[in-house]
């Protein structure tokens, strides 16, 4: 089993890929722009927020909001 080194939020990357602006997502979801702007900087994320974002962005899983980085075997 690979050991997880870090989990990085990637909301900004998802928004760019979908051509959606943060203010548009805020209007669509009811999540404030300030909460959205802090999403990629936070270590912990509210479960409800993740599911609202998943649905609004048409993602298959909340996992798509994050990038998982694994430790090298040499570490």
Protein backbone atom coordinates (compact mmCIF):
# COMPACT_ATOMS: atom_id res chain seq x y z
CA UNK A 1 0.00 0.00 0.00
CA UNK A 2 1.38 3.41 -0.96
CA UNK A 3 1.69 5.98 1.79
CA UNK A 4 0.08 9.38 1.25
CA UNK A 5 2.47 12.27 1.68
CA UNK A 6 0.10 15.16 1.00
CA UNK A 7 -3.38 15.99 -0.23
CA UNK A 8 -3.65 19.29 -2.11
CA UNK A 9 -6.96 20.97 -2.93
CA UNK A 10 -7.30 21.87 -6.61
CA UNK A 11 -10.52 23.86 -6.94
CA UNK A 12 -8.85 26.64 -8.93
CA UNK A 13 -7.47 24.10 -11.40
CA UNK A 14 -10.91 22.52 -11.82
CA UNK A 15 -12.53 25.92 -12.39
CA UNK A 16 -9.97 26.85 -15.07
CA UNK A 17 -10.43 23.51 -16.82
CA UNK A 18 -14.19 24.05 -16.93
CA UNK A 19 -14.02 27.73 -17.85
CA UNK A 20 -15.94 28.79 -14.75
CA UNK A 21 -15.12 31.89 -12.75
CA UNK A 22 -15.14 31.90 -8.99
CA UNK A 23 -17.92 34.49 -8.80
CA UNK A 24 -20.07 32.37 -11.14
CA UNK A 25 -19.56 29.34 -8.90
CA UNK A 26 -20.47 31.42 -5.85
CA UNK A 27 -23.76 32.47 -7.46
CA UNK A 28 -24.48 28.91 -8.59
CA UNK A 29 -23.79 27.29 -5.23
CA UNK A 30 -24.59 29.94 -2.64
CA UNK A 31 -21.07 29.48 -1.23
CA UNK A 32 -19.44 32.85 -0.63
CA UNK A 33 -16.52 33.92 -2.79
CA UNK A 34 -14.38 34.26 0.33
CA UNK A 35 -14.96 30.59 1.22
CA UNK A 36 -14.21 29.56 -2.37
CA UNK A 37 -11.04 31.66 -2.51
CA UNK A 38 -9.72 29.99 0.66
CA UNK A 39 -10.57 26.44 -0.47
CA UNK A 40 -7.15 25.71 -2.01
CA UNK A 41 -5.34 27.15 1.01
CA UNK A 42 -7.11 25.13 3.70
CA UNK A 43 -6.14 21.75 5.07
CA UNK A 44 -9.65 20.79 6.20
CA UNK A 45 -12.84 21.12 4.18
CA UNK A 46 -16.47 21.02 5.21
CA UNK A 47 -18.16 17.86 3.91
CA UNK A 48 -21.27 19.71 2.73
CA UNK A 49 -19.14 22.22 0.79
CA UNK A 50 -17.31 19.42 -1.00
CA UNK A 51 -20.56 17.77 -2.09
CA UNK A 52 -22.11 21.06 -3.21
CA UNK A 53 -19.02 21.79 -5.30
CA UNK A 54 -19.00 18.27 -6.74
CA UNK A 55 -22.60 18.59 -7.90
CA UNK A 56 -22.24 22.15 -9.22
CA UNK A 57 -19.11 21.27 -11.20
CA UNK A 58 -20.45 17.99 -12.53
CA UNK A 59 -17.71 15.92 -10.95
CA UNK A 60 -18.07 12.17 -10.44
CA UNK A 61 -16.48 12.30 -7.00
CA UNK A 62 -15.37 14.83 -4.39
CA UNK A 63 -11.92 13.23 -4.85
CA UNK A 64 -11.60 15.23 -8.08
CA UNK A 65 -11.32 18.38 -5.96
CA UNK A 66 -7.98 17.14 -4.59
CA UNK A 67 -4.59 15.92 -5.80
CA UNK A 68 -3.04 13.12 -3.79
CA UNK A 69 0.75 13.02 -3.59
CA UNK A 70 2.33 9.75 -2.52
CA UNK A 71 5.68 9.21 -0.86
CA UNK A 72 8.43 7.73 -2.96
CA UNK A 73 9.46 4.22 -1.99
CA UNK A 74 12.88 5.61 -1.12
CA UNK A 75 11.47 7.89 1.58
